[in-house]
C-alpha cells in the first residue's frame, strides 16, 4: 500500500508541481493506480522531501500560505536545517557583478554564511567567493547543469517543485517560498524594471520579518524601489557588520 509521502511525491511528479491540480486531486480523493505510482516514484533520480516528511522545512509549513507539496533536490538537503546562517540575496545584476553599493557587503560575508537565491547569476557570483549556495530553480529541465554540479560540489543545494518546464510557467509563483527559508533577506539596489527581483522582494516583505535593504540616493528619484521597501517595513543597512547585527546579534 502506498504511503502518504509516496502519494505526494507521485502527484508532484505526475502533475509537475502544479499546486492547484495536486490540491484538487487530494481534496477530491481521486483514485491512484498503485503500480503506476510506484513505478513513477522509483524512477525519479532526484532526492525528494514532501510536506509530510520530518525533514521538510517547518517554516514553509508555518509561514507560506501555499507551500510546495514536494521539493526535489540535488545536493545537501541538510542545509535547509541551517536557517540561522542563511541569507537570501536579492540583487539586480549586470552579468555576475553586483552593484557597487552592495558589493562590499556581498564580497565580505562570513564563510559560515549560506547564500540563498532564485537567480543563477547571483549563485555564480557567490560560488566564485566560495560560499555555500542554495539555489531555488524554476525547474530542473531548464536549469544549468554545470552550475548545479558546481553548487553541489561546493556543498550546496539546488531545489525545485517542478522537474520539467510547466506548460504555463508562472514567473512569480515558484519563487513564493524562498524568503521563508532564510533567516535574513538582503536586498541590494533594485530598479523598477527588475521584474523578477520585484517578485522576490514582495514575497520577502510578506514571509520574512528580517528584510534588510540598502537605501537609494534621493538623487535617483523613484528609479529604485529600495526606499519604498523601507517605508513598507524593511530595515536599512549599509555595512556587512550591520547585516550580521540584524542576522544574529553581530556574530559572524
Protein backbone atom coordinates (compact mmCIF):
# COMPACT_ATOMS: atom_id res chain seq x y z
CA UNK A 1 0.00 0.00 0.00
CA UNK A 2 1.26 3.46 -0.89
CA UNK A 3 2.32 5.72 1.97
CA UNK A 4 1.10 9.30 2.16
CA UNK A 5 4.55 10.61 1.30
CA UNK A 6 4.76 8.35 -1.75
CA UNK A 7 1.41 9.67 -2.91
CA UNK A 8 2.54 13.28 -2.63
CA UNK A 9 5.79 12.52 -4.44
CA UNK A 10 3.89 10.72 -7.20
CA UNK A 11 1.42 13.59 -7.63
CA UNK A 12 4.22 16.17 -7.64
CA UNK A 13 5.95 14.26 -10.45
CA UNK A 14 2.79 13.43 -12.40
CA UNK A 15 1.47 16.99 -12.30
CA UNK A 16 4.88 18.65 -12.36
CA UNK A 17 4.42 20.51 -9.10
CA UNK A 18 1.20 22.24 -10.21
CA UNK A 19 -0.13 23.28 -6.82
CA UNK A 20 -3.82 23.68 -7.65
CA UNK A 21 -4.02 20.43 -9.61
CA UNK A 22 -2.41 18.47 -6.79
CA UNK A 23 -4.59 20.18 -4.19
CA UNK A 24 -7.77 19.39 -6.12
CA UNK A 25 -6.67 15.76 -6.61
CA UNK A 26 -6.18 15.30 -2.87
CA UNK A 27 -9.33 17.22 -1.97
CA UNK A 28 -11.48 15.13 -4.31
CA UNK A 29 -9.85 11.89 -3.09
CA UNK A 30 -9.29 10.63 -6.61
CA UNK A 31 -8.09 7.08 -7.17
CA UNK A 32 -4.45 6.20 -7.82
CA UNK A 33 -3.18 3.12 -9.64
CA UNK A 34 -0.65 1.84 -7.12
CA UNK A 35 1.61 0.04 -9.59
CA UNK A 36 1.83 3.11 -11.80
CA UNK A 37 2.56 5.37 -8.84
CA UNK A 38 5.33 3.13 -7.52
CA UNK A 39 6.93 2.94 -10.95
CA UNK A 40 6.95 6.74 -11.26
CA UNK A 41 8.30 7.27 -7.75
CA UNK A 42 11.04 4.66 -8.11
CA UNK A 43 12.16 6.10 -11.44
CA UNK A 44 12.80 9.56 -10.00
CA UNK A 45 16.55 10.19 -9.90
CA UNK A 46 16.38 13.20 -7.58
CA UNK A 47 16.10 13.46 -3.85
CA UNK A 48 12.65 14.42 -2.60
CA UNK A 49 11.09 15.66 0.63
CA UNK A 50 7.34 16.12 0.95
CA UNK A 51 5.09 18.25 3.09
CA UNK A 52 4.55 15.20 5.32
CA UNK A 53 8.22 14.32 5.84
CA UNK A 54 10.13 15.21 9.01
CA UNK A 55 12.92 16.91 7.08
CA UNK A 56 10.54 19.19 5.17
CA UNK A 57 11.25 22.78 6.26
CA UNK A 58 8.94 23.67 9.12
CA UNK A 59 8.93 27.35 8.15
CA UNK A 60 7.34 26.51 4.81
CA UNK A 61 4.50 24.73 6.58
CA UNK A 62 4.11 27.55 9.09
CA UNK A 63 4.63 30.72 7.06
CA UNK A 64 3.77 30.05 3.41
CA UNK A 65 0.09 30.01 2.52
CA UNK A 66 0.57 27.52 -0.35
CA UNK A 67 3.73 25.57 0.46
CA UNK A 68 5.09 23.09 -2.11
CA UNK A 69 3.66 19.60 -1.73
CA UNK A 70 7.13 18.25 -2.53
CA UNK A 71 10.62 19.61 -3.06
CA UNK A 72 13.01 17.80 -5.38
CA UNK A 73 16.67 18.42 -4.75
CA UNK A 74 20.28 17.85 -5.70
CA UNK A 75 22.97 18.34 -3.08
CA UNK A 76 22.99 18.76 0.68
CA UNK A 77 19.38 18.84 1.90
CA UNK A 78 20.64 19.35 5.47
CA UNK A 79 21.36 22.99 4.60
CA UNK A 80 17.64 23.65 5.00
CA UNK A 81 18.14 22.97 8.71
CA UNK A 82 20.73 25.77 8.98
CA UNK A 83 18.35 28.68 8.59
CA UNK A 84 20.14 30.75 11.25
CA UNK A 85 23.14 31.06 8.89
CA UNK A 86 21.13 31.58 5.70
CA UNK A 87 20.78 34.89 3.89
CA UNK A 88 18.62 35.35 0.83
CA UNK A 89 20.24 37.73 -1.65
CA UNK A 90 18.02 39.74 -3.99
CA UNK A 91 20.08 41.89 -6.31
CA UNK A 92 19.69 43.46 -9.74
CA UNK A 93 22.89 42.44 -11.53
CA UNK A 94 24.80 43.10 -14.71
CA UNK A 95 26.50 39.83 -15.59
CA UNK A 96 27.95 38.40 -12.38
CA UNK A 97 29.00 41.77 -10.90
CA UNK A 98 26.76 43.22 -8.18
CA UNK A 99 26.23 46.96 -7.98
CA UNK A 100 28.98 48.85 -6.15
CA UNK A 101 26.62 49.81 -3.33
CA UNK A 102 26.22 46.18 -2.24
CA UNK A 103 29.48 44.62 -3.47
CA UNK A 104 31.31 45.49 -0.26
CA UNK A 105 28.73 43.55 1.73
CA UNK A 106 28.36 40.56 -0.58
CA UNK A 107 32.12 40.18 -1.01
CA UNK A 108 32.79 40.13 2.74
CA UNK A 109 30.31 37.67 4.17
CA UNK A 110 31.42 35.14 6.77
CA UNK A 111 32.47 31.74 5.44
CA UNK A 112 29.75 30.27 7.67
CA UNK A 113 27.09 32.11 5.72
CA UNK A 114 24.81 30.20 3.36
CA UNK A 115 23.55 32.29 0.44
CA UNK A 116 20.08 31.52 -0.87
CA UNK A 117 18.91 32.90 -4.22
CA UNK A 118 16.49 32.35 -7.07
CA UNK A 119 18.90 33.82 -9.62
CA UNK A 120 21.63 31.80 -11.36
CA UNK A 121 23.84 34.88 -11.85
CA UNK A 122 23.87 35.56 -8.13
CA UNK A 123 24.63 31.88 -7.46
CA UNK A 124 27.63 32.10 -9.82
CA UNK A 125 28.92 35.22 -8.06
CA UNK A 126 28.64 33.63 -4.64
CA UNK A 127 30.27 30.38 -5.77
CA UNK A 128 33.23 32.39 -7.05
CA UNK A 129 33.59 33.70 -3.49
CA UNK A 130 33.40 30.08 -2.20
CA UNK A 131 30.17 30.49 -0.24
CA UNK A 132 27.74 27.62 0.12
CA UNK A 133 24.74 28.30 -2.08
CA UNK A 134 21.09 27.25 -2.03
CA UNK A 135 19.58 27.86 -5.46
CA UNK A 136 15.82 27.65 -5.90
CA UNK A 137 15.21 26.72 -9.53
CA UNK A 138 12.07 27.12 -11.60
CA UNK A 139 12.53 23.51 -12.74
CA UNK A 140 15.33 21.03 -13.39
CA UNK A 141 14.69 20.70 -17.14
CA UNK A 142 15.86 24.25 -17.89
CA UNK A 143 18.40 24.55 -15.08
CA UNK A 144 22.10 25.00 -15.84
CA UNK A 145 23.57 21.53 -15.23
CA UNK A 146 27.13 22.86 -15.00
CA UNK A 147 26.08 25.36 -12.35
CA UNK A 148 24.16 22.70 -10.42
CA UNK A 149 27.25 20.49 -10.35
CA UNK A 150 29.38 23.38 -9.08
CA UNK A 151 26.88 24.16 -6.34
CA UNK A 152 26.67 20.52 -5.27
CA UNK A 153 30.46 20.06 -5.38
CA UNK A 154 30.88 23.03 -3.02
CA UNK A 155 28.46 21.50 -0.53
CA UNK A 156 25.41 23.47 -1.68
CA UNK A 157 21.85 22.62 -2.62
CA UNK A 158 19.50 23.10 -5.58
CA UNK A 159 15.76 22.67 -5.03
CA UNK A 160 12.62 22.91 -7.14
CA UNK A 161 9.00 21.80 -7.04
CA UNK A 162 8.84 21.17 -10.82
CA UNK A 163 11.03 18.62 -12.56
CA UNK A 164 10.11 19.69 -16.11
CA UNK A 165 9.21 23.05 -17.56
CA UNK A 166 5.49 23.62 -16.94
CA UNK A 167 3.34 24.44 -19.96
CA UNK A 168 2.37 27.73 -18.34
CA UNK A 169 5.39 28.75 -16.27
CA UNK A 170 4.36 31.34 -13.69
CA UNK A 171 7.43 33.55 -13.27
CA UNK A 172 6.21 34.67 -9.87
CA UNK A 173 4.57 31.71 -8.14
CA UNK A 174 7.57 29.33 -7.98
CA UNK A 175 9.57 31.97 -6.08
CA UNK A 176 6.99 32.36 -3.30
CA UNK A 177 8.67 30.21 -0.64
CA UNK A 178 12.31 31.39 -0.94
CA UNK A 179 12.23 34.02 1.79
CA UNK A 180 10.72 31.63 4.33
CA UNK A 181 13.91 29.53 4.15
CA UNK A 182 16.23 32.39 5.14
CA UNK A 183 16.99 33.99 8.49
CA UNK A 184 17.52 37.33 6.79
CA UNK A 185 16.79 38.80 3.35
CA UNK A 186 19.34 41.21 1.89
CA UNK A 187 18.10 43.45 -0.92
CA UNK A 188 20.59 45.41 -2.97
CA UNK A 189 19.58 48.27 -5.28
CA UNK A 190 16.54 47.27 -7.33
CA UNK A 191 15.46 49.17 -10.42
CA UNK A 192 11.79 49.43 -11.26
CA UNK A 193 12.47 47.36 -14.39
CA UNK A 194 13.90 44.37 -12.47
CA UNK A 195 10.69 42.33 -12.61
CA UNK A 196 11.87 39.07 -11.07
CA UNK A 197 13.65 40.88 -8.25
CA UNK A 198 10.38 42.70 -7.53
CA UNK A 199 8.65 39.35 -7.12
CA UNK A 200 11.29 38.18 -4.65
CA UNK A 201 11.17 41.46 -2.73
CA UNK A 202 7.39 41.29 -2.45
CA UNK A 203 7.47 37.77 -1.06
CA UNK A 204 10.28 38.78 1.32
CA UNK A 205 8.15 41.52 2.87
CA UNK A 206 5.29 39.04 3.30
CA UNK A 207 7.16 35.96 4.51
CA UNK A 208 10.21 37.20 6.41
CA UNK A 209 10.37 39.57 9.40
CA UNK A 210 14.05 40.37 8.84
CA UNK A 211 14.35 42.19 5.50
CA UNK A 212 17.37 44.47 5.11
CA UNK A 213 17.74 46.99 2.29
CA UNK A 214 20.45 49.30 1.02
CA UNK A 215 18.88 52.77 0.75
CA UNK A 216 18.85 54.55 -2.60
CA UNK A 217 20.00 58.15 -3.01
CA UNK A 218 17.19 60.65 -3.38
CA UNK A 219 19.01 61.91 -6.48
CA UNK A 220 17.66 58.88 -8.33
CA UNK A 221 14.04 59.73 -7.58
CA UNK A 222 11.85 56.64 -7.97
CA UNK A 223 14.31 54.81 -10.28
CA UNK A 224 14.94 52.31 -7.48
CA UNK A 225 12.30 50.67 -5.28
CA UNK A 226 14.52 50.40 -2.19
CA UNK A 227 13.16 53.40 -0.32
CA UNK A 228 9.62 52.19 -0.93
CA UNK A 229 10.61 48.86 0.64
CA UNK A 230 11.98 50.73 3.66
CA UNK A 231 8.65 52.52 4.01
CA UNK A 232 6.99 49.09 3.87
CA UNK A 233 9.00 47.94 6.88
CA UNK A 234 12.41 46.85 5.61
CA UNK A 235 15.47 47.75 7.72
CA UNK A 236 18.28 49.98 6.47
CA UNK A 237 21.82 48.56 6.33
CA UNK A 238 24.96 49.96 4.75
CA UNK A 239 27.75 47.67 6.04
CA UNK A 240 28.39 43.96 6.48
CA UNK A 241 28.64 44.49 10.25
CA UNK A 242 25.13 45.92 10.28
CA UNK A 243 23.92 42.91 8.32
CA UNK A 244 25.31 40.46 10.90
CA UNK A 245 23.95 42.58 13.73
CA UNK A 246 20.49 42.00 12.27
CA UNK A 247 21.21 38.36 11.48
CA UNK A 248 22.44 37.11 14.85
CA UNK A 249 23.47 39.95 17.12
CA UNK A 250 26.80 40.58 15.42
CA UNK A 251 28.21 37.01 15.45
CA UNK A 252 29.75 36.21 12.05
